[in-house]
């Protein structure tokens, strides 16, 4: 069975799962919901906890909203523990503030003469 036919797994979620190497229900069962979620997160996608519940629901063959609250809390705790182990994101430092300069005819200098132009007859 392919992932697009699993309950709760829509086209976008299925594409994410395929891109992280989870192509079949068996692949998903082997990885488990937290590992599947973490693979997607490590790949740079931005899944919500609803995906975690959707994967659990797909494996249990129930709607993601029917996943019991105690199981949801367990999944969230496991996912948050795994997220803490991820390396910090690499951010570029913020750019310096932009300063606007207004040029007037008094402040504009003519461009320097091209040296090649002065050598021509």
PDB file of N, CA and C in Angstrom:
ATOM      1  N   UNK A   1       0.855  -1.181   0.000  1.00  0.00           N
ATOM      2  CA  UNK A   1       0.000   0.000   0.000  1.00  0.00           C
ATOM      3  C   UNK A   1       0.892   1.233   0.000  1.00  0.00           C
ATOM      4  N   UNK A   2       0.535   2.193  -0.799  1.00  0.00           N
ATOM      5  CA  UNK A   2       1.323   3.417  -0.856  1.00  0.00           C
ATOM      6  C   UNK A   2       0.770   4.439   0.124  1.00  0.00           C
ATOM      7  N   UNK A   3       1.588   5.380   0.487  1.00  0.00           N
ATOM      8  CA  UNK A   3       1.195   6.376   1.477  1.00  0.00           C
ATOM      9  C   UNK A   3      -0.014   7.216   1.078  1.00  0.00           C
ATOM     10  N   UNK A   4      -0.177   7.617  -0.181  1.00  0.00           N
ATOM     11  CA  UNK A   4      -1.341   8.442  -0.485  1.00  0.00           C
ATOM     12  C   UNK A   4      -2.680   7.759  -0.158  1.00  0.00           C
ATOM     13  N   UNK A   5      -2.699   6.448  -0.031  1.00  0.00           N
ATOM     14  CA  UNK A   5      -3.942   5.753   0.263  1.00  0.00           C
ATOM     15  C   UNK A   5      -4.147   5.533   1.761  1.00  0.00           C
ATOM     16  N   UNK A   6      -3.197   5.965   2.568  1.00  0.00           N
ATOM     17  CA  UNK A   6      -3.350   5.840   4.011  1.00  0.00           C
ATOM     18  C   UNK A   6      -4.280   6.912   4.537  1.00  0.00           C
ATOM     19  N   UNK A   7      -5.035   6.558   5.536  1.00  0.00           N
ATOM     20  CA  UNK A   7      -5.947   7.497   6.171  1.00  0.00           C
ATOM     21  C   UNK A   7      -5.149   8.660   6.778  1.00  0.00           C
ATOM     22  N   UNK A   8      -5.647   9.869   6.681  1.00  0.00           N
ATOM     23  CA  UNK A   8      -5.064  11.100   7.234  1.00  0.00           C
ATOM     24  C   UNK A   8      -3.875  11.643   6.461  1.00  0.00           C
ATOM     25  N   UNK A   9      -3.359  10.900   5.506  1.00  0.00           N
ATOM     26  CA  UNK A   9      -2.151  11.326   4.801  1.00  0.00           C
ATOM     27  C   UNK A   9      -2.560  11.914   3.452  1.00  0.00           C
ATOM     28  N   UNK A  10      -2.504  13.238   3.372  1.00  0.00           N
ATOM     29  CA  UNK A  10      -2.852  13.922   2.132  1.00  0.00           C
ATOM     30  C   UNK A  10      -1.669  14.001   1.192  1.00  0.00           C
ATOM     31  N   UNK A  11      -1.844  14.647   0.056  1.00  0.00           N
ATOM     32  CA  UNK A  11      -0.776  14.708  -0.950  1.00  0.00           C
ATOM     33  C   UNK A  11       0.506  15.365  -0.446  1.00  0.00           C
ATOM     34  N   UNK A  12       0.382  16.457   0.297  1.00  0.00           N
ATOM     35  CA  UNK A  12       1.574  17.156   0.778  1.00  0.00           C
ATOM     36  C   UNK A  12       2.334  16.297   1.792  1.00  0.00           C
ATOM     37  N   UNK A  13       1.606  15.707   2.740  1.00  0.00           N
ATOM     38  CA  UNK A  13       2.244  14.851   3.745  1.00  0.00           C
ATOM     39  C   UNK A  13       2.878  13.639   3.078  1.00  0.00           C
ATOM     40  N   UNK A  14       2.179  13.060   2.112  1.00  0.00           N
ATOM     41  CA  UNK A  14       2.718  11.902   1.397  1.00  0.00           C
ATOM     42  C   UNK A  14       4.003  12.268   0.660  1.00  0.00           C
ATOM     43  N   UNK A  15       4.022  13.453   0.051  1.00  0.00           N
ATOM     44  CA  UNK A  15       5.230  13.899  -0.657  1.00  0.00           C
ATOM     45  C   UNK A  15       6.385  14.068   0.319  1.00  0.00           C
ATOM     46  N   UNK A  16       6.126  14.671   1.481  1.00  0.00           N
ATOM     47  CA  UNK A  16       7.178  14.823   2.490  1.00  0.00           C
ATOM     48  C   UNK A  16       7.703  13.467   2.919  1.00  0.00           C
ATOM     49  N   UNK A  17       6.798  12.535   3.176  1.00  0.00           N
ATOM     50  CA  UNK A  17       7.214  11.205   3.631  1.00  0.00           C
ATOM     51  C   UNK A  17       8.051  10.501   2.564  1.00  0.00           C
ATOM     52  N   UNK A  18       7.622  10.607   1.308  1.00  0.00           N
ATOM     53  CA  UNK A  18       8.418   9.990   0.226  1.00  0.00           C
ATOM     54  C   UNK A  18       9.803  10.608   0.146  1.00  0.00           C
ATOM     55  N   UNK A  19       9.875  11.935   0.307  1.00  0.00           N
ATOM     56  CA  UNK A  19      11.158  12.624   0.195  1.00  0.00           C
ATOM     57  C   UNK A  19      12.127  12.258   1.305  1.00  0.00           C
ATOM     58  N   UNK A  20      11.616  11.737   2.422  1.00  0.00           N
ATOM     59  CA  UNK A  20      12.513  11.321   3.502  1.00  0.00           C
ATOM     60  C   UNK A  20      12.663   9.800   3.538  1.00  0.00           C
ATOM     61  N   UNK A  21      12.255   9.136   2.452  1.00  0.00           N
ATOM     62  CA  UNK A  21      12.510   7.705   2.320  1.00  0.00           C
ATOM     63  C   UNK A  21      11.438   6.785   2.871  1.00  0.00           C
ATOM     64  N   UNK A  22      10.275   7.308   3.188  1.00  0.00           N
ATOM     65  CA  UNK A  22       9.182   6.485   3.707  1.00  0.00           C
ATOM     66  C   UNK A  22       8.133   6.350   2.600  1.00  0.00           C
ATOM     67  N   UNK A  23       8.183   5.219   1.887  1.00  0.00           N
ATOM     68  CA  UNK A  23       7.358   5.040   0.696  1.00  0.00           C
ATOM     69  C   UNK A  23       6.144   4.144   0.909  1.00  0.00           C
ATOM     70  N   UNK A  24       6.182   3.296   1.908  1.00  0.00           N
ATOM     71  CA  UNK A  24       5.096   2.344   2.116  1.00  0.00           C
ATOM     72  C   UNK A  24       4.622   2.389   3.561  1.00  0.00           C
ATOM     73  N   UNK A  25       3.499   1.745   3.805  1.00  0.00           N
ATOM     74  CA  UNK A  25       2.992   1.646   5.172  1.00  0.00           C
ATOM     75  C   UNK A  25       4.009   0.923   6.055  1.00  0.00           C
ATOM     76  N   UNK A  26       4.641  -0.085   5.497  1.00  0.00           N
ATOM     77  CA  UNK A  26       5.642  -0.840   6.254  1.00  0.00           C
ATOM     78  C   UNK A  26       6.813   0.063   6.655  1.00  0.00           C
ATOM     79  N   UNK A  27       7.244   0.913   5.742  1.00  0.00           N
ATOM     80  CA  UNK A  27       8.310   1.869   6.074  1.00  0.00           C
ATOM     81  C   UNK A  27       7.878   2.759   7.234  1.00  0.00           C
ATOM     82  N   UNK A  28       6.629   3.213   7.172  1.00  0.00           N
ATOM     83  CA  UNK A  28       6.096   4.091   8.204  1.00  0.00           C
ATOM     84  C   UNK A  28       5.979   3.358   9.540  1.00  0.00           C
ATOM     85  N   UNK A  29       5.535   2.105   9.506  1.00  0.00           N
ATOM     86  CA  UNK A  29       5.424   1.317  10.738  1.00  0.00           C
ATOM     87  C   UNK A  29       6.793   1.082  11.355  1.00  0.00           C
ATOM     88  N   UNK A  30       7.776   0.797  10.524  1.00  0.00           N
ATOM     89  CA  UNK A  30       9.132   0.558  11.020  1.00  0.00           C
ATOM     90  C   UNK A  30       9.704   1.812  11.681  1.00  0.00           C
ATOM     91  N   UNK A  31       9.503   2.943  11.053  1.00  0.00           N
ATOM     92  CA  UNK A  31      10.035   4.193  11.603  1.00  0.00           C
ATOM     93  C   UNK A  31       9.247   4.638  12.834  1.00  0.00           C
ATOM     94  N   UNK A  32       7.951   4.481  12.797  1.00  0.00           N
ATOM     95  CA  UNK A  32       7.105   4.963  13.878  1.00  0.00           C
ATOM     96  C   UNK A  32       6.757   6.417  13.663  1.00  0.00           C
ATOM     97  N   UNK A  33       5.714   6.911  14.338  1.00  0.00           N
ATOM     98  CA  UNK A  33       5.256   8.275  14.076  1.00  0.00           C
ATOM     99  C   UNK A  33       6.265   9.369  14.441  1.00  0.00           C
ATOM    100  N   UNK A  34       6.961   9.214  15.553  1.00  0.00           N
ATOM    101  CA  UNK A  34       7.892  10.268  15.980  1.00  0.00           C
ATOM    102  C   UNK A  34       9.098  10.327  15.050  1.00  0.00           C
ATOM    103  N   UNK A  35       9.656   9.180  14.703  1.00  0.00           N
ATOM    104  CA  UNK A  35      10.811   9.168  13.795  1.00  0.00           C
ATOM    105  C   UNK A  35      10.424   9.699  12.424  1.00  0.00           C
ATOM    106  N   UNK A  36       9.254   9.336  11.922  1.00  0.00           N
ATOM    107  CA  UNK A  36       8.800   9.849  10.626  1.00  0.00           C
ATOM    108  C   UNK A  36       8.668  11.370  10.686  1.00  0.00           C
ATOM    109  N   UNK A  37       8.056  11.867  11.754  1.00  0.00           N
ATOM    110  CA  UNK A  37       7.904  13.310  11.952  1.00  0.00           C
ATOM    111  C   UNK A  37       9.270  13.992  12.007  1.00  0.00           C
ATOM    112  N   UNK A  38      10.199  13.399  12.737  1.00  0.00           N
ATOM    113  CA  UNK A  38      11.525  14.002  12.885  1.00  0.00           C
ATOM    114  C   UNK A  38      12.306  13.979  11.568  1.00  0.00           C
ATOM    115  N   UNK A  39      12.146  12.952  10.780  1.00  0.00           N
ATOM    116  CA  UNK A  39      12.818  12.927   9.476  1.00  0.00           C
ATOM    117  C   UNK A  39      12.344  14.101   8.623  1.00  0.00           C
ATOM    118  N   UNK A  40      11.040  14.348   8.669  1.00  0.00           N
ATOM    119  CA  UNK A  40      10.475  15.456   7.895  1.00  0.00           C
ATOM    120  C   UNK A  40      11.017  16.779   8.421  1.00  0.00           C
ATOM    121  N   UNK A  41      11.061  16.919   9.715  1.00  0.00           N
ATOM    122  CA  UNK A  41      11.559  18.156  10.331  1.00  0.00           C
ATOM    123  C   UNK A  41      13.045  18.357  10.004  1.00  0.00           C
ATOM    124  N   UNK A  42      13.842  17.287  10.107  1.00  0.00           N
ATOM    125  CA  UNK A  42      15.280  17.399   9.807  1.00  0.00           C
ATOM    126  C   UNK A  42      15.529  17.711   8.334  1.00  0.00           C
ATOM    127  N   UNK A  43      14.587  17.322   7.471  1.00  0.00           N
ATOM    128  CA  UNK A  43      14.737  17.596   6.037  1.00  0.00           C
ATOM    129  C   UNK A  43      14.486  19.060   5.703  1.00  0.00           C
ATOM    130  N   UNK A  44      14.037  19.829   6.693  1.00  0.00           N
ATOM    131  CA  UNK A  44      13.849  21.252   6.461  1.00  0.00           C
ATOM    132  C   UNK A  44      12.401  21.671   6.256  1.00  0.00           C
ATOM    133  N   UNK A  45      11.492  20.705   6.261  1.00  0.00           N
ATOM    134  CA  UNK A  45      10.079  21.055   6.156  1.00  0.00           C
ATOM    135  C   UNK A  45       9.603  21.550   7.515  1.00  0.00           C
ATOM    136  N   UNK A  46       8.444  22.147   7.552  1.00  0.00           N
ATOM    137  CA  UNK A  46       7.927  22.714   8.793  1.00  0.00           C
ATOM    138  C   UNK A  46       6.587  22.053   9.151  1.00  0.00           C
ATOM    139  N   UNK A  47       6.631  20.802   9.598  1.00  0.00           N
ATOM    140  CA  UNK A  47       5.380  20.121   9.947  1.00  0.00           C
ATOM    141  C   UNK A  47       4.836  20.617  11.283  1.00  0.00           C
ATOM    142  N   UNK A  48       3.531  20.522  11.433  1.00  0.00           N
ATOM    143  CA  UNK A  48       2.907  20.844  12.716  1.00  0.00           C
ATOM    144  C   UNK A  48       2.683  19.532  13.467  1.00  0.00           C
ATOM    145  N   UNK A  49       2.271  19.666  14.711  1.00  0.00           N
ATOM    146  CA  UNK A  49       1.985  18.468  15.505  1.00  0.00           C
ATOM    147  C   UNK A  49       0.816  17.687  14.913  1.00  0.00           C
ATOM    148  N   UNK A  50      -0.030  18.346  14.125  1.00  0.00           N
ATOM    149  CA  UNK A  50      -1.133  17.623  13.487  1.00  0.00           C
ATOM    150  C   UNK A  50      -0.609  16.509  12.586  1.00  0.00           C
ATOM    151  N   UNK A  51       0.556  16.714  11.961  1.00  0.00           N
ATOM    152  CA  UNK A  51       1.128  15.651  11.137  1.00  0.00           C
ATOM    153  C   UNK A  51       1.504  14.459  12.009  1.00  0.00           C
ATOM    154  N   UNK A  52       2.026  14.735  13.174  1.00  0.00           N
ATOM    155  CA  UNK A  52       2.373  13.663  14.109  1.00  0.00           C
ATOM    156  C   UNK A  52       1.126  12.848  14.455  1.00  0.00           C
ATOM    157  N   UNK A  53       0.025  13.542  14.747  1.00  0.00           N
ATOM    158  CA  UNK A  53      -1.226  12.849  15.058  1.00  0.00           C
ATOM    159  C   UNK A  53      -1.764  12.121  13.833  1.00  0.00           C
ATOM    160  N   UNK A  54      -1.601  12.712  12.659  1.00  0.00           N
ATOM    161  CA  UNK A  54      -2.082  12.090  11.427  1.00  0.00           C
ATOM    162  C   UNK A  54      -1.340  10.789  11.149  1.00  0.00           C
ATOM    163  N   UNK A  55      -0.034  10.781  11.372  1.00  0.00           N
ATOM    164  CA  UNK A  55       0.746   9.555  11.156  1.00  0.00           C
ATOM    165  C   UNK A  55       0.311   8.492  12.148  1.00  0.00           C
ATOM    166  N   UNK A  56       0.141   8.880  13.403  1.00  0.00           N
ATOM    167  CA  UNK A  56      -0.335   7.930  14.411  1.00  0.00           C
ATOM    168  C   UNK A  56      -1.704   7.385  14.023  1.00  0.00           C
ATOM    169  N   UNK A  57      -2.597   8.267  13.603  1.00  0.00           N
ATOM    170  CA  UNK A  57      -3.921   7.832  13.176  1.00  0.00           C
ATOM    171  C   UNK A  57      -3.862   6.915  11.970  1.00  0.00           C
ATOM    172  N   UNK A  58      -2.963   7.201  11.030  1.00  0.00           N
ATOM    173  CA  UNK A  58      -2.812   6.344   9.853  1.00  0.00           C
ATOM    174  C   UNK A  58      -2.364   4.942  10.262  1.00  0.00           C
ATOM    175  N   UNK A  59      -1.451   4.880  11.207  1.00  0.00           N
ATOM    176  CA  UNK A  59      -0.955   3.572  11.655  1.00  0.00           C
ATOM    177  C   UNK A  59      -1.997   2.818  12.481  1.00  0.00           C
ATOM    178  N   UNK A  60      -2.857   3.549  13.170  1.00  0.00           N
ATOM    179  CA  UNK A  60      -3.913   2.928  13.993  1.00  0.00           C
ATOM    180  C   UNK A  60      -5.235   2.813  13.241  1.00  0.00           C
ATOM    181  N   UNK A  61      -5.268   3.300  12.003  1.00  0.00           N
ATOM    182  CA  UNK A  61      -6.467   3.307  11.170  1.00  0.00           C
ATOM    183  C   UNK A  61      -7.629   4.021  11.851  1.00  0.00           C
ATOM    184  N   UNK A  62      -7.334   5.236  12.349  1.00  0.00           N
ATOM    185  CA  UNK A  62      -8.388   6.073  12.924  1.00  0.00           C
ATOM    186  C   UNK A  62      -8.148   7.506  12.470  1.00  0.00           C
ATOM    187  N   UNK A  63      -9.168   8.324  12.585  1.00  0.00           N
ATOM    188  CA  UNK A  63      -9.030   9.743  12.241  1.00  0.00           C
ATOM    189  C   UNK A  63      -8.036  10.374  13.212  1.00  0.00           C
ATOM    190  N   UNK A  64      -7.246  11.318  12.740  1.00  0.00           N
ATOM    191  CA  UNK A  64      -6.200  11.910  13.594  1.00  0.00           C
ATOM    192  C   UNK A  64      -6.779  12.582  14.825  1.00  0.00           C
ATOM    193  N   UNK A  65      -8.018  13.066  14.755  1.00  0.00           N
ATOM    194  CA  UNK A  65      -8.632  13.709  15.916  1.00  0.00           C
ATOM    195  C   UNK A  65      -9.108  12.688  16.950  1.00  0.00           C
ATOM    196  N   UNK A  66      -9.140  11.411  16.562  1.00  0.00           N
ATOM    197  CA  UNK A  66      -9.561  10.359  17.478  1.00  0.00           C
ATOM    198  C   UNK A  66      -8.397   9.738  18.252  1.00  0.00           C
ATOM    199  N   UNK A  67      -7.186  10.185  17.995  1.00  0.00           N
ATOM    200  CA  UNK A  67      -6.033   9.693  18.760  1.00  0.00           C
ATOM    201  C   UNK A  67      -6.254  10.131  20.210  1.00  0.00           C
ATOM    202  N   UNK A  68      -6.218   9.187  21.161  1.00  0.00           N
ATOM    203  CA  UNK A  68      -6.492   9.549  22.560  1.00  0.00           C
ATOM    204  C   UNK A  68      -5.535  10.629  23.082  1.00  0.00           C
ATOM    205  N   UNK A  69      -6.056  11.465  23.968  1.00  0.00           N
ATOM    206  CA  UNK A  69      -5.280  12.585  24.510  1.00  0.00           C
ATOM    207  C   UNK A  69      -4.003  12.112  25.196  1.00  0.00           C
ATOM    208  N   UNK A  70      -4.063  10.987  25.905  1.00  0.00           N
ATOM    209  CA  UNK A  70      -2.852  10.491  26.579  1.00  0.00           C
ATOM    210  C   UNK A  70      -1.790  10.109  25.559  1.00  0.00           C
ATOM    211  N   UNK A  71      -2.207   9.515  24.436  1.00  0.00           N
ATOM    212  CA  UNK A  71      -1.253   9.154  23.385  1.00  0.00           C
ATOM    213  C   UNK A  71      -0.704  10.416  22.713  1.00  0.00           C
ATOM    214  N   UNK A  72      -1.561  11.412  22.519  1.00  0.00           N
ATOM    215  CA  UNK A  72      -1.096  12.676  21.932  1.00  0.00           C
ATOM    216  C   UNK A  72      -0.015  13.296  22.815  1.00  0.00           C
ATOM    217  N   UNK A  73      -0.262  13.331  24.106  1.00  0.00           N
ATOM    218  CA  UNK A  73       0.709  13.914  25.029  1.00  0.00           C
ATOM    219  C   UNK A  73       2.023  13.140  24.984  1.00  0.00           C
ATOM    220  N   UNK A  74       1.933  11.827  24.890  1.00  0.00           N
ATOM    221  CA  UNK A  74       3.139  11.007  24.806  1.00  0.00           C
ATOM    222  C   UNK A  74       3.903  11.314  23.515  1.00  0.00           C
ATOM    223  N   UNK A  75       3.188  11.397  22.400  1.00  0.00           N
ATOM    224  CA  UNK A  75       3.825  11.700  21.116  1.00  0.00           C
ATOM    225  C   UNK A  75       4.496  13.075  21.149  1.00  0.00           C
ATOM    226  N   UNK A  76       3.799  14.068  21.705  1.00  0.00           N
ATOM    227  CA  UNK A  76       4.354  15.422  21.779  1.00  0.00           C
ATOM    228  C   UNK A  76       5.604  15.436  22.653  1.00  0.00           C
ATOM    229  N   UNK A  77       5.555  14.746  23.782  1.00  0.00           N
ATOM    230  CA  UNK A  77       6.723  14.705  24.675  1.00  0.00           C
ATOM    231  C   UNK A  77       7.916  14.063  23.972  1.00  0.00           C
ATOM    232  N   UNK A  78       7.678  12.968  23.257  1.00  0.00           N
ATOM    233  CA  UNK A  78       8.769  12.302  22.531  1.00  0.00           C
ATOM    234  C   UNK A  78       9.308  13.203  21.420  1.00  0.00           C
ATOM    235  N   UNK A  79       8.417  13.858  20.702  1.00  0.00           N
ATOM    236  CA  UNK A  79       8.848  14.734  19.608  1.00  0.00           C
ATOM    237  C   UNK A  79       9.625  15.930  20.151  1.00  0.00           C
ATOM    238  N   UNK A  80       9.143  16.533  21.227  1.00  0.00           N
ATOM    239  CA  UNK A  80       9.852  17.684  21.798  1.00  0.00           C
ATOM    240  C   UNK A  80      11.231  17.290  22.308  1.00  0.00           C
ATOM    241  N   UNK A  81      11.344  16.095  22.886  1.00  0.00           N
ATOM    242  CA  UNK A  81      12.659  15.618  23.338  1.00  0.00           C
ATOM    243  C   UNK A  81      13.593  15.437  22.143  1.00  0.00           C
ATOM    244  N   UNK A  82      13.056  14.918  21.047  1.00  0.00           N
ATOM    245  CA  UNK A  82      13.874  14.738  19.843  1.00  0.00           C
ATOM    246  C   UNK A  82      14.237  16.078  19.214  1.00  0.00           C
ATOM    247  N   UNK A  83      13.314  17.031  19.249  1.00  0.00           N
ATOM    248  CA  UNK A  83      13.575  18.354  18.679  1.00  0.00           C
ATOM    249  C   UNK A  83      14.697  19.054  19.450  1.00  0.00           C
ATOM    250  N   UNK A  84      14.736  18.866  20.757  1.00  0.00           N
ATOM    251  CA  UNK A  84      15.797  19.483  21.567  1.00  0.00           C
ATOM    252  C   UNK A  84      17.180  18.969  21.175  1.00  0.00           C
ATOM    253  N   UNK A  85      17.245  17.769  20.607  1.00  0.00           N
ATOM    254  CA  UNK A  85      18.516  17.187  20.200  1.00  0.00           C
ATOM    255  C   UNK A  85      18.998  17.708  18.843  1.00  0.00           C
ATOM    256  N   UNK A  86      18.118  18.403  18.124  1.00  0.00           N
ATOM    257  CA  UNK A  86      18.507  18.940  16.818  1.00  0.00           C
ATOM    258  C   UNK A  86      19.519  20.063  16.992  1.00  0.00           C
ATOM    259  N   UNK A  87      20.441  20.206  16.051  1.00  0.00           N
ATOM    260  CA  UNK A  87      21.372  21.339  16.137  1.00  0.00           C
ATOM    261  C   UNK A  87      20.604  22.642  15.937  1.00  0.00           C
ATOM    262  N   UNK A  88      21.097  23.722  16.519  1.00  0.00           N
ATOM    263  CA  UNK A  88      20.391  24.998  16.360  1.00  0.00           C
ATOM    264  C   UNK A  88      20.386  25.421  14.896  1.00  0.00           C
ATOM    265  N   UNK A  89      19.339  26.120  14.469  1.00  0.00           N
ATOM    266  CA  UNK A  89      19.296  26.572  13.078  1.00  0.00           C
ATOM    267  C   UNK A  89      20.393  27.580  12.813  1.00  0.00           C
ATOM    268  N   UNK A  90      20.860  27.608  11.597  1.00  0.00           N
ATOM    269  CA  UNK A  90      21.902  28.553  11.208  1.00  0.00           C
ATOM    270  C   UNK A  90      21.236  29.799  10.633  1.00  0.00           C
ATOM    271  N   UNK A  91      21.305  30.851  11.400  1.00  0.00           N
ATOM    272  CA  UNK A  91      20.717  32.110  10.953  1.00  0.00           C
ATOM    273  C   UNK A  91      21.829  33.048  10.526  1.00  0.00           C
ATOM    274  N   UNK A  92      21.543  33.834   9.515  1.00  0.00           N
ATOM    275  CA  UNK A  92      22.476  34.879   9.122  1.00  0.00           C
ATOM    276  C   UNK A  92      22.223  36.059  10.045  1.00  0.00           C
ATOM    277  N   UNK A  93      23.272  36.765  10.444  1.00  0.00           N
ATOM    278  CA  UNK A  93      23.049  37.932  11.299  1.00  0.00           C
ATOM    279  C   UNK A  93      22.210  38.979  10.563  1.00  0.00           C
ATOM    280  N   UNK A  94      21.478  39.717  11.323  1.00  0.00           N
ATOM    281  CA  UNK A  94      20.634  40.761  10.734  1.00  0.00           C
ATOM    282  C   UNK A  94      21.516  41.808  10.069  1.00  0.00           C
ATOM    283  N   UNK A  95      21.028  42.355   9.002  1.00  0.00           N
ATOM    284  CA  UNK A  95      21.768  43.396   8.296  1.00  0.00           C
ATOM    285  C   UNK A  95      21.762  44.673   9.125  1.00  0.00           C
ATOM    286  N   UNK A  96      22.752  45.495   8.896  1.00  0.00           N
ATOM    287  CA  UNK A  96      22.823  46.784   9.589  1.00  0.00           C
ATOM    288  C   UNK A  96      21.660  47.658   9.139  1.00  0.00           C
ATOM    289  N   UNK A  97      21.278  48.606   9.949  1.00  0.00           N
ATOM    290  CA  UNK A  97      20.177  49.495   9.551  1.00  0.00           C
ATOM    291  C   UNK A  97      20.506  50.216   8.249  1.00  0.00           C
ATOM    292  N   UNK A  98      19.493  50.429   7.476  1.00  0.00           N
ATOM    293  CA  UNK A  98      19.658  51.117   6.196  1.00  0.00           C
ATOM    294  C   UNK A  98      19.549  52.615   6.430  1.00  0.00           C
ATOM    295  N   UNK A  99      20.483  53.352   5.854  1.00  0.00           N
ATOM    296  CA  UNK A  99      20.477  54.801   5.972  1.00  0.00           C
ATOM    297  C   UNK A  99      20.186  55.385   4.600  1.00  0.00           C
ATOM    298  N   UNK A 100      19.185  56.220   4.516  1.00  0.00           N
ATOM    299  CA  UNK A 100      18.816  56.836   3.246  1.00  0.00           C
ATOM    300  C   UNK A 100      19.552  58.165   3.109  1.00  0.00           C
ATOM    301  N   UNK A 101      20.160  58.341   1.970  1.00  0.00           N
ATOM    302  CA  UNK A 101      20.866  59.589   1.687  1.00  0.00           C
ATOM    303  C   UNK A 101      20.174  60.259   0.511  1.00  0.00           C
ATOM    304  N   UNK A 102      19.880  61.520   0.666  1.00  0.00           N
ATOM    305  CA  UNK A 102      19.243  62.275  -0.405  1.00  0.00           C
ATOM    306  C   UNK A 102      20.327  63.049  -1.134  1.00  0.00           C
ATOM    307  N   UNK A 103      20.407  62.851  -2.430  1.00  0.00           N
ATOM    308  CA  UNK A 103      21.400  63.551  -3.243  1.00  0.00           C
ATOM    309  C   UNK A 103      20.748  64.765  -3.890  1.00  0.00           C
ATOM    310  N   UNK A 104      21.448  65.864  -3.827  1.00  0.00           N
ATOM    311  CA  UNK A 104      20.982  67.084  -4.492  1.00  0.00           C
ATOM    312  C   UNK A 104      22.000  67.453  -5.543  1.00  0.00           C
ATOM    313  N   UNK A 105      21.701  68.442  -6.330  1.00  0.00           N
ATOM    314  CA  UNK A 105      22.631  68.863  -7.387  1.00  0.00           C
ATOM    315  C   UNK A 105      23.948  69.328  -6.785  1.00  0.00           C
ATOM    316  N   UNK A 106      23.918  69.858  -5.563  1.00  0.00           N
ATOM    317  CA  UNK A 106      25.136  70.332  -4.916  1.00  0.00           C
ATOM    318  C   UNK A 106      26.015  69.179  -4.451  1.00  0.00           C
ATOM    319  N   UNK A 107      25.403  68.046  -4.122  1.00  0.00           N
ATOM    320  CA  UNK A 107      26.185  66.940  -3.569  1.00  0.00           C
ATOM    321  C   UNK A 107      26.574  65.900  -4.606  1.00  0.00           C
ATOM    322  N   UNK A 108      25.996  65.965  -5.785  1.00  0.00           N
ATOM    323  CA  UNK A 108      26.297  64.980  -6.814  1.00  0.00           C
ATOM    324  C   UNK A 108      27.570  65.396  -7.542  1.00  0.00           C
ATOM    325  N   UNK A 109      28.514  64.482  -7.594  1.00  0.00           N
ATOM    326  CA  UNK A 109      29.746  64.750  -8.322  1.00  0.00           C
ATOM    327  C   UNK A 109      29.661  64.067  -9.676  1.00  0.00           C
ATOM    328  N   UNK A 110      30.230  64.671 -10.680  1.00  0.00           N
ATOM    329  CA  UNK A 110      30.205  64.008 -11.989  1.00  0.00           C
ATOM    330  C   UNK A 110      31.063  62.746 -11.929  1.00  0.00           C
ATOM    331  N   UNK A 111      30.711  61.741 -12.687  1.00  0.00           N
ATOM    332  CA  UNK A 111      31.503  60.518 -12.663  1.00  0.00           C
ATOM    333  C   UNK A 111      32.907  60.791 -13.183  1.00  0.00           C
ATOM    334  N   UNK A 112      33.875  60.030 -12.692  1.00  0.00           N
ATOM    335  CA  UNK A 112      35.251  60.260 -13.183  1.00  0.00           C
ATOM    336  C   UNK A 112      35.328  59.973 -14.673  1.00  0.00           C
ATOM    337  N   UNK A 113      36.206  60.734 -15.343  1.00  0.00           N
ATOM    338  CA  UNK A 113      36.377  60.562 -16.772  1.00  0.00           C
ATOM    339  C   UNK A 113      37.016  59.223 -17.043  1.00  0.00           C
ATOM    340  N   UNK A 114      36.591  58.595 -18.085  1.00  0.00           N
ATOM    341  CA  UNK A 114      37.160  57.301 -18.473  1.00  0.00           C
ATOM    342  C   UNK A 114      38.525  57.555 -19.086  1.00  0.00           C
ATOM    343  N   UNK A 115      39.601  56.949 -18.530  1.00  0.00           N
ATOM    344  CA  UNK A 115      40.949  57.198 -19.064  1.00  0.00           C
ATOM    345  C   UNK A 115      41.091  56.825 -20.513  1.00  0.00           C
ATOM    346  N   UNK A 116      40.350  55.875 -20.979  1.00  0.00           N
ATOM    347  CA  UNK A 116      40.452  55.467 -22.385  1.00  0.00           C
ATOM    348  C   UNK A 116      39.920  56.559 -23.295  1.00  0.00           C
ATOM    349  N   UNK A 117      38.888  57.311 -22.825  1.00  0.00           N
ATOM    350  CA  UNK A 117      38.320  58.391 -23.638  1.00  0.00           C
ATOM    351  C   UNK A 117      39.324  59.515 -23.848  1.00  0.00           C
ATOM    352  N   UNK A 118      40.146  59.820 -22.852  1.00  0.00           N
ATOM    353  CA  UNK A 118      41.108  60.934 -22.975  1.00  0.00           C
ATOM    354  C   UNK A 118      42.253  60.557 -23.877  1.00  0.00           C
ATOM    355  N   UNK A 119      42.525  59.305 -24.114  1.00  0.00           N
ATOM    356  CA  UNK A 119      43.648  58.910 -24.968  1.00  0.00           C
ATOM    357  C   UNK A 119      43.258  58.902 -26.431  1.00  0.00           C
ATOM    358  N   UNK A 120      41.982  58.900 -26.737  1.00  0.00           N
ATOM    359  CA  UNK A 120      41.555  58.867 -28.131  1.00  0.00           C
ATOM    360  C   UNK A 120      41.699  60.252 -28.749  1.00  0.00           C
ATOM    361  N   UNK A 121      42.070  60.320 -30.023  1.00  0.00           N
ATOM    362  CA  UNK A 121      42.233  61.607 -30.691  1.00  0.00           C
ATOM    363  C   UNK A 121      40.949  62.330 -30.922  1.00  0.00           C
TER     364      UNK A 121
END
